[in-house]
Amino acid sequence: MLSFTSSYIRYSQICAKAVREALKAEFKANAEKTSGSTVKIVKVKKE
């Protein structure tokens, strides 16, 4: 499952980058502000 999750996260990062690069200049500045967002993966402890 971890492999699928990390693959999907990488895929979504590539898509987001492509969308940001395709934006017009007036919208690019706002999109670049959010490009630093990250995702935190936490493993759930089984009880």
Protein backbone atom coordinates (compact mmCIF):
# COMPACT_ATOMS: atom_id res chain seq x y z
CA MET A 1 0.00 0.00 0.00
CA LEU A 2 2.82 2.39 0.79
CA SER A 3 4.19 2.04 -2.74
CA PHE A 4 0.82 2.96 -4.22
CA THR A 5 0.45 5.91 -1.85
CA SER A 6 3.89 7.31 -2.59
CA SER A 7 3.34 6.77 -6.32
CA TYR A 8 0.06 8.66 -6.18
CA ILE A 9 1.61 11.52 -4.22
CA ARG A 10 4.42 11.79 -6.78
CA TYR A 11 1.87 11.67 -9.62
CA SER A 12 -0.17 14.47 -8.03
CA GLN A 13 2.99 16.57 -7.54
CA ILE A 14 3.85 16.21 -11.23
CA CYS A 15 0.31 17.16 -12.26
CA ALA A 16 0.28 20.19 -9.96
CA LYS A 17 3.61 21.38 -11.36
CA ALA A 18 2.33 21.01 -14.93
CA VAL A 19 -0.80 23.01 -14.11
CA ARG A 20 1.21 25.78 -12.41
CA GLU A 21 3.54 26.03 -15.41
CA ALA A 22 0.59 26.27 -17.80
CA LEU A 23 -1.05 29.17 -15.96
CA LYS A 24 -1.06 32.71 -17.30
CA ALA A 25 1.35 35.12 -15.59
CA GLU A 26 -1.42 36.89 -13.65
CA PHE A 27 -2.43 33.66 -11.91
CA LYS A 28 1.05 32.15 -11.61
CA ALA A 29 2.17 34.20 -8.60
CA ASN A 30 -0.76 33.04 -6.48
CA ALA A 31 -0.29 29.41 -7.52
CA GLU A 32 3.41 29.48 -6.64
CA LYS A 33 2.58 30.56 -3.08
CA THR A 34 0.83 27.26 -2.45
CA SER A 35 3.42 25.12 -4.22
CA GLY A 36 5.36 24.73 -0.97
CA SER A 37 2.58 22.68 0.60
CA THR A 38 3.54 19.24 1.79
CA VAL A 39 1.84 16.04 2.75
CA LYS A 40 2.66 14.20 5.94
CA ILE A 41 2.24 10.44 6.03
CA VAL A 42 1.70 8.88 9.44
CA LYS A 43 1.64 5.14 10.01
CA VAL A 44 -1.22 4.08 12.25
CA LYS A 45 -0.20 1.92 15.18
CA LYS A 46 -2.13 -1.33 15.35
CA GLU A 47 -3.46 -2.13 18.79
